[in-house]
PDB file of N, CA and C in Angstrom:
ATOM      1  N   MET A   1     250.698 185.044 122.138  1.00  0.00           N
ATOM      2  CA  MET A   1     250.572 183.595 121.982  1.00  0.00           C
ATOM      3  C   MET A   1     250.860 182.907 123.321  1.00  0.00           C
ATOM      4  N   ALA A   2     250.006 181.975 123.704  1.00  0.00           N
ATOM      5  CA  ALA A   2     250.151 181.272 124.979  1.00  0.00           C
ATOM      6  C   ALA A   2     251.330 180.299 124.912  1.00  0.00           C
ATOM      7  N   ARG A   3     252.028 180.209 126.038  1.00  0.00           N
ATOM      8  CA  ARG A   3     253.148 179.281 126.128  1.00  0.00           C
ATOM      9  C   ARG A   3     252.630 177.861 126.309  1.00  0.00           C
ATOM     10  N   LYS A   4     253.191 176.907 125.578  1.00  0.00           N
ATOM     11  CA  LYS A   4     252.765 175.514 125.695  1.00  0.00           C
ATOM     12  C   LYS A   4     253.451 174.866 126.891  1.00  0.00           C
ATOM     13  N   LEU A   5     252.693 174.026 127.590  1.00  0.00           N
ATOM     14  CA  LEU A   5     253.270 173.276 128.705  1.00  0.00           C
ATOM     15  C   LEU A   5     254.053 172.091 128.170  1.00  0.00           C
ATOM     16  N   THR A   6     255.164 171.787 128.820  1.00  0.00           N
ATOM     17  CA  THR A   6     255.916 170.592 128.456  1.00  0.00           C
ATOM     18  C   THR A   6     255.197 169.395 129.072  1.00  0.00           C
ATOM     19  N   LEU A   7     255.500 168.200 128.602  1.00  0.00           N
ATOM     20  CA  LEU A   7     254.848 167.000 129.114  1.00  0.00           C
ATOM     21  C   LEU A   7     255.076 166.817 130.620  1.00  0.00           C
ATOM     22  N   PRO A   8     256.310 166.983 131.140  1.00  0.00           N
ATOM     23  CA  PRO A   8     256.486 166.853 132.595  1.00  0.00           C
ATOM     24  C   PRO A   8     255.646 167.876 133.377  1.00  0.00           C
ATOM     25  N   GLN A   9     255.540 169.084 132.883  1.00  0.00           N
ATOM     26  CA  GLN A   9     254.723 170.099 133.555  1.00  0.00           C
ATOM     27  C   GLN A   9     253.257 169.693 133.527  1.00  0.00           C
ATOM     28  N   LEU A  10     252.809 169.158 132.395  1.00  0.00           N
ATOM     29  CA  LEU A  10     251.423 168.739 132.257  1.00  0.00           C
ATOM     30  C   LEU A  10     251.102 167.595 133.214  1.00  0.00           C
ATOM     31  N   LYS A  11     251.997 166.620 133.314  1.00  0.00           N
ATOM     32  CA  LYS A  11     251.782 165.490 134.226  1.00  0.00           C
ATOM     33  C   LYS A  11     251.727 165.968 135.669  1.00  0.00           C
ATOM     34  N   LYS A  12     252.629 166.883 136.041  1.00  0.00           N
ATOM     35  CA  LYS A  12     252.643 167.421 137.399  1.00  0.00           C
ATOM     36  C   LYS A  12     251.331 168.148 137.667  1.00  0.00           C
ATOM     37  N   TYR A  13     250.886 168.914 136.744  1.00  0.00           N
ATOM     38  CA  TYR A  13     249.646 169.654 136.894  1.00  0.00           C
ATOM     39  C   TYR A  13     248.468 168.696 137.042  1.00  0.00           C
ATOM     40  N   ASP A  14     248.447 167.641 136.235  1.00  0.00           N
ATOM     41  CA  ASP A  14     247.342 166.689 136.285  1.00  0.00           C
ATOM     42  C   ASP A  14     247.226 166.032 137.650  1.00  0.00           C
ATOM     43  N   VAL A  15     248.327 165.575 138.229  1.00  0.00           N
ATOM     44  CA  VAL A  15     248.294 164.926 139.532  1.00  0.00           C
ATOM     45  C   VAL A  15     247.863 165.926 140.599  1.00  0.00           C
ATOM     46  N   THR A  16     248.447 167.099 140.571  1.00  0.00           N
ATOM     47  CA  THR A  16     248.063 168.133 141.531  1.00  0.00           C
ATOM     48  C   THR A  16     246.581 168.449 141.388  1.00  0.00           C
ATOM     49  N   GLN A  17     246.132 168.581 140.164  1.00  0.00           N
ATOM     50  CA  GLN A  17     244.721 168.882 139.909  1.00  0.00           C
ATOM     51  C   GLN A  17     243.820 167.775 140.439  1.00  0.00           C
ATOM     52  N   LYS A  18     244.195 166.529 140.223  1.00  0.00           N
ATOM     53  CA  LYS A  18     243.395 165.397 140.698  1.00  0.00           C
ATOM     54  C   LYS A  18     243.312 165.382 142.225  1.00  0.00           C
ATOM     55  N   VAL A  19     244.433 165.638 142.885  1.00  0.00           N
ATOM     56  CA  VAL A  19     244.444 165.660 144.351  1.00  0.00           C
ATOM     57  C   VAL A  19     243.579 166.809 144.861  1.00  0.00           C
ATOM     58  N   ILE A  20     243.704 167.971 144.252  1.00  0.00           N
ATOM     59  CA  ILE A  20     242.883 169.119 144.658  1.00  0.00           C
ATOM     60  C   ILE A  20     241.395 168.800 144.488  1.00  0.00           C
ATOM     61  N   GLU A  21     241.043 168.183 143.373  1.00  0.00           N
ATOM     62  CA  GLU A  21     239.649 167.807 143.141  1.00  0.00           C
ATOM     63  C   GLU A  21     239.167 166.808 144.191  1.00  0.00           C
ATOM     64  N   MET A  22     240.036 165.864 144.559  1.00  0.00           N
ATOM     65  CA  MET A  22     239.682 164.873 145.575  1.00  0.00           C
ATOM     66  C   MET A  22     239.474 165.549 146.929  1.00  0.00           C
ATOM     67  N   LEU A  23     240.347 166.499 147.257  1.00  0.00           N
ATOM     68  CA  LEU A  23     240.222 167.217 148.532  1.00  0.00           C
ATOM     69  C   LEU A  23     239.027 168.167 148.545  1.00  0.00           C
ATOM     70  N   ALA A  24     238.599 168.598 147.373  1.00  0.00           N
ATOM     71  CA  ALA A  24     237.440 169.483 147.282  1.00  0.00           C
ATOM     72  C   ALA A  24     236.130 168.718 147.495  1.00  0.00           C
ATOM     73  N   ASP A  25     236.174 167.413 147.317  1.00  0.00           N
ATOM     74  CA  ASP A  25     234.987 166.577 147.511  1.00  0.00           C
ATOM     75  C   ASP A  25     234.792 166.312 149.001  1.00  0.00           C
ATOM     76  N   ALA A  26     233.656 166.737 149.535  1.00  0.00           N
ATOM     77  CA  ALA A  26     233.400 166.657 150.985  1.00  0.00           C
ATOM     78  C   ALA A  26     233.465 165.227 151.513  1.00  0.00           C
ATOM     79  N   GLU A  27     232.916 164.278 150.772  1.00  0.00           N
ATOM     80  CA  GLU A  27     232.922 162.890 151.251  1.00  0.00           C
ATOM     81  C   GLU A  27     234.339 162.309 151.251  1.00  0.00           C
ATOM     82  N   SER A  28     235.092 162.564 150.197  1.00  0.00           N
ATOM     83  CA  SER A  28     236.479 162.074 150.139  1.00  0.00           C
ATOM     84  C   SER A  28     237.307 162.680 151.258  1.00  0.00           C
ATOM     85  N   ARG A  29     237.109 163.973 151.481  1.00  0.00           N
ATOM     86  CA  ARG A  29     237.834 164.669 152.553  1.00  0.00           C
ATOM     87  C   ARG A  29     237.462 164.089 153.912  1.00  0.00           C
ATOM     88  N   ALA A  30     236.181 163.833 154.132  1.00  0.00           N
ATOM     89  CA  ALA A  30     235.727 163.254 155.402  1.00  0.00           C
ATOM     90  C   ALA A  30     236.378 161.894 155.632  1.00  0.00           C
ATOM     91  N   ILE A  31     236.402 161.067 154.593  1.00  0.00           N
ATOM     92  CA  ILE A  31     237.026 159.747 154.706  1.00  0.00           C
ATOM     93  C   ILE A  31     238.515 159.898 155.009  1.00  0.00           C
ATOM     94  N   LEU A  32     239.193 160.692 154.217  1.00  0.00           N
ATOM     95  CA  LEU A  32     240.641 160.855 154.333  1.00  0.00           C
ATOM     96  C   LEU A  32     241.070 161.334 155.715  1.00  0.00           C
ATOM     97  N   PHE A  33     240.387 162.346 156.229  1.00  0.00           N
ATOM     98  CA  PHE A  33     240.830 162.926 157.488  1.00  0.00           C
ATOM     99  C   PHE A  33     240.260 162.226 158.721  1.00  0.00           C
ATOM    100  N   SER A  34     239.367 161.251 158.527  1.00  0.00           N
ATOM    101  CA  SER A  34     238.870 160.494 159.678  1.00  0.00           C
ATOM    102  C   SER A  34     239.721 159.252 159.948  1.00  0.00           C
ATOM    103  N   ILE A  35     240.680 158.990 159.076  1.00  0.00           N
ATOM    104  CA  ILE A  35     241.537 157.805 159.269  1.00  0.00           C
ATOM    105  C   ILE A  35     243.003 158.202 159.430  1.00  0.00           C
ATOM    106  N   ILE A  36     243.216 159.351 160.037  1.00  0.00           N
ATOM    107  CA  ILE A  36     244.597 159.783 160.290  1.00  0.00           C
ATOM    108  C   ILE A  36     245.174 159.036 161.487  1.00  0.00           C
ATOM    109  N   LYS A  37     244.486 159.062 162.608  1.00  0.00           N
ATOM    110  CA  LYS A  37     245.013 158.457 163.836  1.00  0.00           C
ATOM    111  C   LYS A  37     244.723 156.970 163.935  1.00  0.00           C
ATOM    112  N   LYS A  38     243.534 156.558 163.479  1.00  0.00           N
ATOM    113  CA  LYS A  38     243.134 155.160 163.599  1.00  0.00           C
ATOM    114  C   LYS A  38     242.509 154.714 162.286  1.00  0.00           C
ATOM    115  N   GLY A  39     242.988 153.599 161.769  1.00  0.00           N
ATOM    116  CA  GLY A  39     242.455 153.067 160.526  1.00  0.00           C
ATOM    117  C   GLY A  39     241.047 152.524 160.709  1.00  0.00           C
ATOM    118  N   LYS A  40     240.308 152.464 159.595  1.00  0.00           N
ATOM    119  CA  LYS A  40     238.938 151.961 159.617  1.00  0.00           C
ATOM    120  C   LYS A  40     238.672 151.135 158.365  1.00  0.00           C
ATOM    121  N   THR A  41     237.664 150.271 158.469  1.00  0.00           N
ATOM    122  CA  THR A  41     237.227 149.502 157.303  1.00  0.00           C
ATOM    123  C   THR A  41     236.275 150.367 156.481  1.00  0.00           C
ATOM    124  N   ALA A  42     236.004 149.930 155.258  1.00  0.00           N
ATOM    125  CA  ALA A  42     235.053 150.648 154.401  1.00  0.00           C
ATOM    126  C   ALA A  42     233.676 150.692 155.051  1.00  0.00           C
ATOM    127  N   THR A  43     233.272 149.609 155.687  1.00  0.00           N
ATOM    128  CA  THR A  43     231.968 149.557 156.358  1.00  0.00           C
ATOM    129  C   THR A  43     231.912 150.570 157.496  1.00  0.00           C
ATOM    130  N   GLU A  44     232.964 150.652 158.292  1.00  0.00           N
ATOM    131  CA  GLU A  44     233.005 151.623 159.396  1.00  0.00           C
ATOM    132  C   GLU A  44     232.924 153.054 158.859  1.00  0.00           C
ATOM    133  N   LEU A  45     233.626 153.320 157.759  1.00  0.00           N
ATOM    134  CA  LEU A  45     233.588 154.651 157.152  1.00  0.00           C
ATOM    135  C   LEU A  45     232.194 154.971 156.630  1.00  0.00           C
ATOM    136  N   SER A  46     231.558 153.980 156.014  1.00  0.00           N
ATOM    137  CA  SER A  46     230.208 154.159 155.486  1.00  0.00           C
ATOM    138  C   SER A  46     229.227 154.510 156.605  1.00  0.00           C
ATOM    139  N   GLU A  47     229.314 153.782 157.705  1.00  0.00           N
ATOM    140  CA  GLU A  47     228.412 154.015 158.837  1.00  0.00           C
ATOM    141  C   GLU A  47     228.695 155.357 159.515  1.00  0.00           C
ATOM    142  N   LYS A  48     229.967 155.651 159.728  1.00  0.00           N
ATOM    143  CA  LYS A  48     230.330 156.889 160.424  1.00  0.00           C
ATOM    144  C   LYS A  48     229.894 158.140 159.650  1.00  0.00           C
ATOM    145  N   HIS A  49     230.095 158.129 158.335  1.00  0.00           N
ATOM    146  CA  HIS A  49     229.835 159.326 157.535  1.00  0.00           C
ATOM    147  C   HIS A  49     228.501 159.289 156.785  1.00  0.00           C
ATOM    148  N   LYS A  50     227.734 158.204 156.991  1.00  0.00           N
ATOM    149  CA  LYS A  50     226.419 158.070 156.328  1.00  0.00           C
ATOM    150  C   LYS A  50     226.551 158.184 154.807  1.00  0.00           C
ATOM    151  N   ILE A  51     227.560 157.497 154.277  1.00  0.00           N
ATOM    152  CA  ILE A  51     227.823 157.457 152.834  1.00  0.00           C
ATOM    153  C   ILE A  51     227.548 156.023 152.376  1.00  0.00           C
ATOM    154  N   PRO A  52     226.840 155.840 151.269  1.00  0.00           N
ATOM    155  CA  PRO A  52     226.604 154.472 150.781  1.00  0.00           C
ATOM    156  C   PRO A  52     227.926 153.712 150.614  1.00  0.00           C
ATOM    157  N   LEU A  53     227.908 152.425 150.984  1.00  0.00           N
ATOM    158  CA  LEU A  53     229.122 151.614 150.936  1.00  0.00           C
ATOM    159  C   LEU A  53     229.752 151.601 149.545  1.00  0.00           C
ATOM    160  N   SER A  54     228.935 151.540 148.496  1.00  0.00           N
ATOM    161  CA  SER A  54     229.483 151.535 147.132  1.00  0.00           C
ATOM    162  C   SER A  54     230.241 152.838 146.848  1.00  0.00           C
ATOM    163  N   SER A  55     229.732 153.957 147.354  1.00  0.00           N
ATOM    164  CA  SER A  55     230.413 155.251 147.183  1.00  0.00           C
ATOM    165  C   SER A  55     231.717 155.288 147.963  1.00  0.00           C
ATOM    166  N   VAL A  56     231.708 154.704 149.156  1.00  0.00           N
ATOM    167  CA  VAL A  56     232.935 154.652 149.972  1.00  0.00           C
ATOM    168  C   VAL A  56     234.007 153.865 149.229  1.00  0.00           C
ATOM    169  N   TYR A  57     233.640 152.717 148.666  1.00  0.00           N
ATOM    170  CA  TYR A  57     234.621 151.918 147.922  1.00  0.00           C
ATOM    171  C   TYR A  57     235.169 152.683 146.716  1.00  0.00           C
ATOM    172  N   LYS A  58     234.332 153.422 146.020  1.00  0.00           N
ATOM    173  CA  LYS A  58     234.785 154.218 144.866  1.00  0.00           C
ATOM    174  C   LYS A  58     235.764 155.299 145.321  1.00  0.00           C
ATOM    175  N   LYS A  59     235.410 155.992 146.396  1.00  0.00           N
ATOM    176  CA  LYS A  59     236.268 157.065 146.893  1.00  0.00           C
ATOM    177  C   LYS A  59     237.579 156.502 147.442  1.00  0.00           C
ATOM    178  N   ILE A  60     237.516 155.359 148.113  1.00  0.00           N
ATOM    179  CA  ILE A  60     238.732 154.700 148.609  1.00  0.00           C
ATOM    180  C   ILE A  60     239.636 154.340 147.430  1.00  0.00           C
ATOM    181  N   SER A  61     239.049 153.804 146.382  1.00  0.00           N
ATOM    182  CA  SER A  61     239.820 153.440 145.189  1.00  0.00           C
ATOM    183  C   SER A  61     240.524 154.664 144.608  1.00  0.00           C
ATOM    184  N   ASP A  62     239.792 155.772 144.498  1.00  0.00           N
ATOM    185  CA  ASP A  62     240.379 157.010 143.971  1.00  0.00           C
ATOM    186  C   ASP A  62     241.476 157.536 144.891  1.00  0.00           C
ATOM    187  N   LEU A  63     241.253 157.493 146.192  1.00  0.00           N
ATOM    188  CA  LEU A  63     242.246 157.969 147.160  1.00  0.00           C
ATOM    189  C   LEU A  63     243.495 157.085 147.137  1.00  0.00           C
ATOM    190  N   GLU A  64     243.305 155.777 146.974  1.00  0.00           N
ATOM    191  CA  GLU A  64     244.442 154.850 146.881  1.00  0.00           C
ATOM    192  C   GLU A  64     245.250 155.108 145.616  1.00  0.00           C
ATOM    193  N   GLU A  65     244.551 155.350 144.514  1.00  0.00           N
ATOM    194  CA  GLU A  65     245.225 155.607 143.233  1.00  0.00           C
ATOM    195  C   GLU A  65     246.121 156.834 143.332  1.00  0.00           C
ATOM    196  N   LEU A  66     245.697 157.828 144.090  1.00  0.00           N
ATOM    197  CA  LEU A  66     246.494 159.040 144.276  1.00  0.00           C
ATOM    198  C   LEU A  66     247.469 158.916 145.446  1.00  0.00           C
ATOM    199  N   THR A  67     247.566 157.724 146.014  1.00  0.00           N
ATOM    200  CA  THR A  67     248.426 157.388 147.161  1.00  0.00           C
ATOM    201  C   THR A  67     248.168 158.278 148.380  1.00  0.00           C
ATOM    202  N   LEU A  68     246.926 158.680 148.569  1.00  0.00           N
ATOM    203  CA  LEU A  68     246.571 159.482 149.740  1.00  0.00           C
ATOM    204  C   LEU A  68     246.189 158.595 150.922  1.00  0.00           C
ATOM    205  N   ILE A  69     245.812 157.348 150.642  1.00  0.00           N
ATOM    206  CA  ILE A  69     245.540 156.384 151.711  1.00  0.00           C
ATOM    207  C   ILE A  69     246.251 155.085 151.383  1.00  0.00           C
ATOM    208  N   LYS A  70     246.347 154.220 152.390  1.00  0.00           N
ATOM    209  CA  LYS A  70     246.989 152.916 152.214  1.00  0.00           C
ATOM    210  C   LYS A  70     246.213 151.865 152.997  1.00  0.00           C
ATOM    211  N   VAL A  71     246.438 150.610 152.648  1.00  0.00           N
ATOM    212  CA  VAL A  71     245.909 149.517 153.450  1.00  0.00           C
ATOM    213  C   VAL A  71     246.913 149.321 154.577  1.00  0.00           C
ATOM    214  N   ASP A  72     246.459 149.615 155.795  1.00  0.00           N
ATOM    215  CA  ASP A  72     247.345 149.568 156.959  1.00  0.00           C
ATOM    216  C   ASP A  72     247.469 148.156 157.511  1.00  0.00           C
ATOM    217  N   SER A  73     246.352 147.417 157.482  1.00  0.00           N
ATOM    218  CA  SER A  73     246.350 146.051 158.004  1.00  0.00           C
ATOM    219  C   SER A  73     245.083 145.349 157.518  1.00  0.00           C
ATOM    220  N   TRP A  74     244.908 144.131 157.964  1.00  0.00           N
ATOM    221  CA  TRP A  74     243.724 143.336 157.626  1.00  0.00           C
ATOM    222  C   TRP A  74     243.055 142.898 158.916  1.00  0.00           C
ATOM    223  N   ARG A  75     241.734 142.809 158.887  1.00  0.00           N
ATOM    224  CA  ARG A  75     240.978 142.313 160.037  1.00  0.00           C
ATOM    225  C   ARG A  75     240.187 141.105 159.547  1.00  0.00           C
ATOM    226  N   ILE A  76     240.149 140.065 160.374  1.00  0.00           N
ATOM    227  CA  ILE A  76     239.375 138.877 160.029  1.00  0.00           C
ATOM    228  C   ILE A  76     238.184 138.803 160.975  1.00  0.00           C
ATOM    229  N   SER A  77     236.995 138.703 160.381  1.00  0.00           N
ATOM    230  CA  SER A  77     235.766 138.651 161.178  1.00  0.00           C
ATOM    231  C   SER A  77     235.625 137.274 161.817  1.00  0.00           C
ATOM    232  N   ASP A  78     234.632 137.143 162.714  1.00  0.00           N
ATOM    233  CA  ASP A  78     234.348 135.861 163.358  1.00  0.00           C
ATOM    234  C   ASP A  78     233.986 134.788 162.339  1.00  0.00           C
ATOM    235  N   LYS A  79     233.426 135.216 161.205  1.00  0.00           N
ATOM    236  CA  LYS A  79     233.032 134.279 160.154  1.00  0.00           C
ATOM    237  C   LYS A  79     234.164 133.999 159.169  1.00  0.00           C
ATOM    238  N   GLY A  80     235.350 134.557 159.435  1.00  0.00           N
ATOM    239  CA  GLY A  80     236.514 134.299 158.593  1.00  0.00           C
ATOM    240  C   GLY A  80     236.646 135.219 157.390  1.00  0.00           C
ATOM    241  N   ARG A  81     235.841 136.264 157.348  1.00  0.00           N
ATOM    242  CA  ARG A  81     235.898 137.216 156.225  1.00  0.00           C
ATOM    243  C   ARG A  81     237.013 138.237 156.478  1.00  0.00           C
ATOM    244  N   LYS A  82     237.781 138.556 155.422  1.00  0.00           N
ATOM    245  CA  LYS A  82     238.894 139.512 155.552  1.00  0.00           C
ATOM    246  C   LYS A  82     238.434 140.917 155.168  1.00  0.00           C
ATOM    247  N   PHE A  83     238.839 141.891 155.976  1.00  0.00           N
ATOM    248  CA  PHE A  83     238.528 143.297 155.724  1.00  0.00           C
ATOM    249  C   PHE A  83     239.812 144.111 155.749  1.00  0.00           C
ATOM    250  N   LYS A  84     239.933 145.028 154.799  1.00  0.00           N
ATOM    251  CA  LYS A  84     241.082 145.934 154.789  1.00  0.00           C
ATOM    252  C   LYS A  84     240.842 147.064 155.781  1.00  0.00           C
ATOM    253  N   ILE A  85     241.904 147.445 156.478  1.00  0.00           N
ATOM    254  CA  ILE A  85     241.879 148.609 157.368  1.00  0.00           C
ATOM    255  C   ILE A  85     242.652 149.706 156.636  1.00  0.00           C
ATOM    256  N   TYR A  86     241.961 150.806 156.341  1.00  0.00           N
ATOM    257  CA  TYR A  86     242.552 151.905 155.584  1.00  0.00           C
ATOM    258  C   TYR A  86     243.054 152.989 156.522  1.00  0.00           C
ATOM    259  N   LYS A  87     244.172 153.595 156.146  1.00  0.00           N
ATOM    260  CA  LYS A  87     244.747 154.669 156.934  1.00  0.00           C
ATOM    261  C   LYS A  87     245.236 155.769 155.990  1.00  0.00           C
ATOM    262  N   SER A  88     245.096 157.010 156.433  1.00  0.00           N
ATOM    263  CA  SER A  88     245.528 158.155 155.641  1.00  0.00           C
ATOM    264  C   SER A  88     247.048 158.247 155.622  1.00  0.00           C
ATOM    265  N   ARG A  89     247.591 158.581 154.477  1.00  0.00           N
ATOM    266  CA  ARG A  89     249.034 158.815 154.364  1.00  0.00           C
ATOM    267  C   ARG A  89     249.389 160.270 154.666  1.00  0.00           C
ATOM    268  N   ILE A  90     248.354 161.117 154.746  1.00  0.00           N
ATOM    269  CA  ILE A  90     248.604 162.533 155.026  1.00  0.00           C
ATOM    270  C   ILE A  90     247.836 162.965 156.270  1.00  0.00           C
ATOM    271  N   SER A  91     248.355 163.963 156.953  1.00  0.00           N
ATOM    272  CA  SER A  91     247.656 164.496 158.132  1.00  0.00           C
ATOM    273  C   SER A  91     247.141 165.908 157.894  1.00  0.00           C
ATOM    274  N   ASN A  92     247.622 166.538 156.806  1.00  0.00           N
ATOM    275  CA  ASN A  92     247.222 167.907 156.516  1.00  0.00           C
ATOM    276  C   ASN A  92     247.451 168.186 155.029  1.00  0.00           C
ATOM    277  N   ALA A  93     246.627 169.083 154.503  1.00  0.00           N
ATOM    278  CA  ALA A  93     246.787 169.485 153.105  1.00  0.00           C
ATOM    279  C   ALA A  93     246.582 170.989 153.015  1.00  0.00           C
ATOM    280  N   GLU A  94     247.480 171.651 152.302  1.00  0.00           N
ATOM    281  CA  GLU A  94     247.355 173.091 152.085  1.00  0.00           C
ATOM    282  C   GLU A  94     247.373 173.343 150.581  1.00  0.00           C
ATOM    283  N   ILE A  95     246.368 174.089 150.140  1.00  0.00           N
ATOM    284  CA  ILE A  95     246.260 174.420 148.721  1.00  0.00           C
ATOM    285  C   ILE A  95     246.373 175.930 148.582  1.00  0.00           C
ATOM    286  N   SER A  96     247.258 176.348 147.700  1.00  0.00           N
ATOM    287  CA  SER A  96     247.425 177.766 147.418  1.00  0.00           C
ATOM    288  C   SER A  96     247.262 177.955 145.920  1.00  0.00           C
ATOM    289  N   ILE A  97     246.373 178.857 145.561  1.00  0.00           N
ATOM    290  CA  ILE A  97     246.145 179.093 144.136  1.00  0.00           C
ATOM    291  C   ILE A  97     246.556 180.517 143.801  1.00  0.00           C
ATOM    292  N   LYS A  98     247.593 180.599 142.983  1.00  0.00           N
ATOM    293  CA  LYS A  98     248.080 181.886 142.491  1.00  0.00           C
ATOM    294  C   LYS A  98     248.114 181.774 140.984  1.00  0.00           C
ATOM    295  N   LYS A  99     247.472 182.687 140.360  1.00  0.00           N
ATOM    296  CA  LYS A  99     247.332 182.640 138.910  1.00  0.00           C
ATOM    297  C   LYS A  99     248.674 182.410 138.241  1.00  0.00           C
ATOM    298  N   PRO A 100     248.812 181.475 137.347  1.00  0.00           N
ATOM    299  CA  PRO A 100     247.846 180.490 136.870  1.00  0.00           C
ATOM    300  C   PRO A 100     248.000 179.129 137.533  1.00  0.00           C
ATOM    301  N   GLU A 101     248.886 179.015 138.525  1.00  0.00           N
ATOM    302  CA  GLU A 101     249.213 177.697 139.081  1.00  0.00           C
ATOM    303  C   GLU A 101     248.641 177.478 140.463  1.00  0.00           C
ATOM    304  N   ALA A 102     248.381 176.218 140.765  1.00  0.00           N
ATOM    305  CA  ALA A 102     247.963 175.814 142.108  1.00  0.00           C
ATOM    306  C   ALA A 102     249.132 175.083 142.749  1.00  0.00           C
ATOM    307  N   THR A 103     249.366 175.379 144.016  1.00  0.00           N
ATOM    308  CA  THR A 103     250.417 174.712 144.763  1.00  0.00           C
ATOM    309  C   THR A 103     249.754 173.862 145.835  1.00  0.00           C
ATOM    310  N   LEU A 104     250.224 172.646 145.968  1.00  0.00           N
ATOM    311  CA  LEU A 104     249.665 171.710 146.927  1.00  0.00           C
ATOM    312  C   LEU A 104     250.773 171.246 147.856  1.00  0.00           C
ATOM    313  N   VAL A 105     250.565 171.397 149.162  1.00  0.00           N
ATOM    314  CA  VAL A 105     251.527 170.915 150.143  1.00  0.00           C
ATOM    315  C   VAL A 105     250.818 169.898 151.017  1.00  0.00           C
ATOM    316  N   LEU A 106     251.318 168.655 150.991  1.00  0.00           N
ATOM    317  CA  LEU A 106     250.745 167.569 151.799  1.00  0.00           C
ATOM    318  C   LEU A 106     251.704 167.236 152.924  1.00  0.00           C
ATOM    319  N   THR A 107     251.186 167.142 154.139  1.00  0.00           N
ATOM    320  CA  THR A 107     251.995 166.786 155.298  1.00  0.00           C
ATOM    321  C   THR A 107     251.832 165.288 155.554  1.00  0.00           C
ATOM    322  N   PRO A 108     252.937 164.549 155.597  1.00  0.00           N
ATOM    323  CA  PRO A 108     252.843 163.093 155.825  1.00  0.00           C
ATOM    324  C   PRO A 108     252.212 162.789 157.186  1.00  0.00           C
ATOM    325  N   ASN A 109     251.491 161.674 157.235  1.00  0.00           N
ATOM    326  CA  ASN A 109     250.881 161.217 158.476  1.00  0.00           C
ATOM    327  C   ASN A 109     251.937 160.431 159.263  1.00  0.00           C
ATOM    328  N   LEU A 110     252.313 160.948 160.395  1.00  0.00           N
ATOM    329  CA  LEU A 110     253.332 160.290 161.214  1.00  0.00           C
ATOM    330  C   LEU A 110     252.710 159.349 162.239  1.00  0.00           C
ATOM    331  N   ASN A 111     251.392 159.175 162.176  1.00  0.00           N
ATOM    332  CA  ASN A 111     250.684 158.285 163.103  1.00  0.00           C
ATOM    333  C   ASN A 111     250.581 156.862 162.576  1.00  0.00           C
ATOM    334  N   GLY A 112     251.378 156.515 161.646  1.00  0.00           N
ATOM    335  CA  GLY A 112     251.224 155.148 161.161  1.00  0.00           C
ATOM    336  C   GLY A 112     252.028 154.930 159.981  1.00  0.00           C
TER     337      GLY A 112
END
């Protein structure tokens, strides 16, 4: 008979699983690791990685929800429009999968 997971174990697994899934996505990974040293706007990320702006906003939202990125500052355009500058909260991620558990080690970004 399989052992049942307790609720705290299940919650821990869910967050780890979500982060691993986010890191497995090439576009999310590209966004996350391109804003380690210098923050960028969603438009800059879209142009740099050739990802549709709507997709960038979705991925940014998911990355923010998992606290992998943060709004570092705001930029105001010549026309008075405000833009968020996003920065990665991590500089490195290591995933180790040993049956049946996955271990995730995130290194904090010390550049900001």
